[in-house]
Protein backbone atom coordinates (compact mmCIF):
# COMPACT_ATOMS: atom_id res chain seq x y z
CA MET A 1 0.00 0.00 0.00
CA SER A 2 1.13 3.52 -0.68
CA PHE A 3 0.02 6.62 1.13
CA LYS A 4 0.37 9.64 -1.15
CA ILE A 5 0.18 13.21 0.03
CA THR A 6 -2.05 15.01 -2.46
CA TRP A 7 -4.23 18.12 -2.50
CA LYS A 8 -7.00 15.87 -1.12
CA THR A 9 -4.74 14.92 1.81
CA HIS A 10 -4.14 18.62 2.53
CA VAL A 11 -7.90 19.26 2.52
CA ILE A 12 -8.46 16.32 4.90
CA CYS A 13 -5.67 17.56 7.19
CA THR A 14 -7.22 21.04 7.20
CA LEU A 15 -10.54 19.45 8.20
CA VAL A 16 -8.74 17.44 10.91
CA ALA A 17 -7.17 20.67 12.23
CA PHE A 18 -10.58 22.36 12.18
CA ALA A 19 -12.09 19.38 14.04
CA ILE A 20 -9.32 19.56 16.65
CA ALA A 21 -9.99 23.28 17.16
CA GLN A 22 -13.72 22.57 17.48
CA LEU A 23 -13.12 19.75 19.97
CA LEU A 24 -10.98 22.06 22.08
CA GLY A 25 -13.84 24.57 21.96
CA SER A 26 -13.49 27.24 24.62
CA ILE A 27 -9.95 26.08 25.43
CA ALA A 28 -8.86 27.10 21.92
CA SER A 29 -10.66 30.42 22.31
CA ASP A 30 -8.95 31.02 25.66
CA ILE A 31 -5.52 30.20 24.18
CA VAL A 32 -5.99 32.65 21.30
CA GLU A 33 -7.51 35.32 23.56
CA ASN A 34 -4.69 34.91 26.10
CA PHE A 35 -2.15 35.38 23.32
CA ILE A 36 -3.85 38.25 21.51
CA ILE A 37 -4.42 40.44 24.59
CA LYS A 38 -0.88 40.00 25.93
CA PRO A 39 0.74 43.42 25.96
CA PHE A 40 3.63 42.93 23.55
CA ILE A 41 6.45 45.45 23.53
CA PHE A 42 6.17 45.96 19.78
CA TYR A 43 2.96 46.27 17.79
CA PRO A 44 3.72 46.30 14.06
CA THR A 45 0.29 47.75 13.15
CA LYS A 46 -2.63 49.40 14.89
CA ASN A 47 -4.93 46.52 13.93
CA LEU A 48 -5.10 43.83 16.62
CA ILE A 49 -6.11 41.06 14.18
CA VAL A 50 -3.29 41.91 11.73
CA ASN A 51 -0.84 41.91 14.64
CA PHE A 52 -2.14 38.49 15.71
CA TYR A 53 -1.60 37.01 12.23
CA ILE A 54 1.89 38.52 12.00
CA TYR A 55 2.86 36.96 15.33
CA VAL A 56 1.33 33.60 14.37
CA LEU A 57 3.33 33.59 11.13
CA LEU A 58 6.48 34.51 13.04
CA LEU A 59 5.81 31.75 15.59
CA MET A 60 5.26 29.15 12.89
CA ILE A 61 8.86 29.46 11.67
CA PRO A 62 10.56 28.22 14.88
CA ILE A 63 7.68 25.82 15.60
CA SER A 64 8.14 24.20 12.17
CA ILE A 65 11.94 24.03 12.56
CA VAL A 66 11.71 22.38 15.99
CA HIS A 67 8.86 20.08 14.88
CA GLU A 68 10.76 18.82 11.82
CA GLY A 69 14.00 18.63 13.81
CA ILE A 70 12.34 16.28 16.30
CA HIS A 71 11.16 14.05 13.43
CA GLY A 72 14.77 14.02 12.19
CA LEU A 73 16.26 13.20 15.61
CA VAL A 74 13.90 10.28 16.08
CA TYR A 75 14.60 8.99 12.55
CA LYS A 76 18.33 9.12 13.37
CA ALA A 77 17.76 7.42 16.74
CA PHE A 78 16.19 4.53 14.80
CA GLY A 79 19.15 4.39 12.38
CA GLY A 80 17.79 6.51 9.54
CA LYS A 81 19.37 9.17 7.39
CA VAL A 82 17.31 12.34 6.93
CA LYS A 83 16.80 15.21 4.55
CA TYR A 84 14.84 18.37 5.26
CA GLY A 85 12.98 20.42 2.71
CA PHE A 86 9.93 22.38 1.66
CA LYS A 87 7.02 21.49 -0.61
CA GLY A 88 5.24 24.75 -1.19
CA ILE A 89 4.60 26.24 2.25
CA TYR A 90 5.03 22.91 4.04
CA ALA A 91 8.29 21.87 5.69
CA TYR A 92 9.09 18.16 5.74
CA THR A 93 11.58 15.62 7.02
CA GLN A 94 12.26 12.55 4.91
CA GLU A 95 14.20 9.39 5.69
CA ILE A 96 16.34 8.94 2.55
CA SER A 97 18.15 5.62 2.98
CA GLU A 98 14.92 3.76 2.07
CA MET A 99 15.37 1.71 5.21
CA PRO A 100 12.17 -0.19 6.12
CA ILE A 101 11.02 1.02 9.53
CA ASP A 102 8.81 -0.99 11.88
CA ARG A 103 5.27 0.38 11.91
CA VAL A 104 5.42 1.11 15.65
CA LYS A 105 8.70 3.01 15.23
CA PHE A 106 7.22 4.96 12.32
CA LEU A 107 4.23 5.89 14.50
CA ILE A 108 6.69 7.11 17.16
CA ILE A 109 8.50 9.17 14.49
CA LEU A 110 5.19 10.68 13.34
CA LEU A 111 3.87 11.54 16.80
CA SER A 112 7.05 12.45 18.71
CA PRO A 113 7.06 16.18 17.75
CA LEU A 114 3.51 16.52 19.03
CA ALA A 115 4.34 14.75 22.30
CA VAL A 116 7.72 16.40 22.94
CA MET A 117 6.63 19.92 22.05
CA SER A 118 3.43 19.56 24.08
CA ILE A 119 5.50 18.72 27.14
CA LEU A 120 8.02 21.52 26.47
CA THR A 121 5.25 24.14 26.25
CA LEU A 122 4.45 23.44 29.91
CA PHE A 123 7.71 25.19 30.81
CA LEU A 124 6.75 28.41 29.03
CA PRO A 125 4.46 31.21 30.19
CA LEU A 126 0.85 30.17 29.59
CA TRP A 127 0.15 32.88 26.98
CA LEU A 128 3.09 31.71 24.84
CA GLY A 129 3.13 27.98 25.66
CA GLY A 130 -0.58 27.68 24.98
CA MET A 131 -0.25 29.30 21.57
CA ILE A 132 2.77 27.17 20.62
CA PHE A 133 0.91 24.05 21.80
CA PHE A 134 -2.17 24.98 19.78
CA LEU A 135 -0.28 25.87 16.58
CA ASN A 136 1.87 22.72 16.79
CA LEU A 137 -1.24 20.61 17.39
CA LEU A 138 -2.90 22.07 14.31
CA GLY A 139 0.32 21.72 12.32
CA ALA A 140 0.61 18.06 13.38
CA SER A 141 -2.76 17.24 11.81
CA GLY A 142 -0.94 15.54 8.91
CA ASP A 143 1.06 13.39 11.33
CA ILE A 144 -2.14 12.49 13.16
CA TYR A 145 -3.93 11.65 9.91
CA MET A 146 -1.04 9.46 8.68
CA SER A 147 -0.98 7.71 12.07
CA PHE A 148 -4.65 6.82 11.73
CA LYS A 149 -3.93 5.45 8.26
CA LEU A 150 -1.08 3.31 9.64
CA ILE A 151 -2.80 1.81 12.69
CA LYS A 152 -4.95 -0.44 10.53
CA TYR A 153 -1.84 -2.43 9.60
CA ASP A 154 -0.34 -5.22 11.65
CA SER A 155 2.42 -4.14 14.04
CA ASN A 156 4.87 -6.32 12.03
CA SER A 157 4.42 -4.10 8.96
CA LYS A 158 7.41 -2.20 7.59
CA ILE A 159 7.20 1.36 6.32
CA VAL A 160 9.47 3.12 3.82
CA ASP A 161 9.30 6.90 3.90
CA ARG A 162 8.95 8.46 0.46
CA ILE A 163 8.90 12.02 -0.86
CA TYR A 164 5.23 11.49 -1.79
CA GLY A 165 4.24 9.89 1.56
CA PHE A 166 5.11 6.34 2.53
CA ASP A 167 4.88 2.74 1.36
CA VAL A 168 3.87 -0.27 3.44
CA VAL A 169 6.39 -2.79 2.11
CA GLN A 170 5.57 -5.73 4.34
CA GLU A 171 2.35 -6.40 6.12
CA SER A 172 0.97 -9.42 7.87
CA HIS A 173 -2.64 -8.49 7.19
CA VAL A 174 -5.00 -5.56 7.16
CA PHE A 175 -7.75 -5.40 9.73
């Protein structure tokens, strides 16, 4: 089986991110409100909403770098060789040795940035940690979606990371 990242995948991941925001409900609203009303030293514009979007875009740069770096560290911990890059506006980490990775290890690789960064945000002030947590959670919607695709395969399955997604190269059976 191959999992290919297409425009349809991006739409699904956007819907997953929207669903996550909806499930968080008032918590998401509180996180955004806490962030937006924080008295920053520098306001680039007089429009509060424009300022919010500027700060979100500026936050996404280090969040994406750390997120992809964690993917890379875990790949390397499991013996992989990695490459980093961009496809459009999306950053990615790819294992390039074509080494088959156990399904469970691949799930750990997919979900480790979400877990590690969620824990690290607890050490930041709530207004900043909450926003980083929320943006990383939304940004990890692709990792969450791919994890749900992978869990239907037997734990003995092997995964090969590809530029277009991943291939299941060995599987015992599909549930």
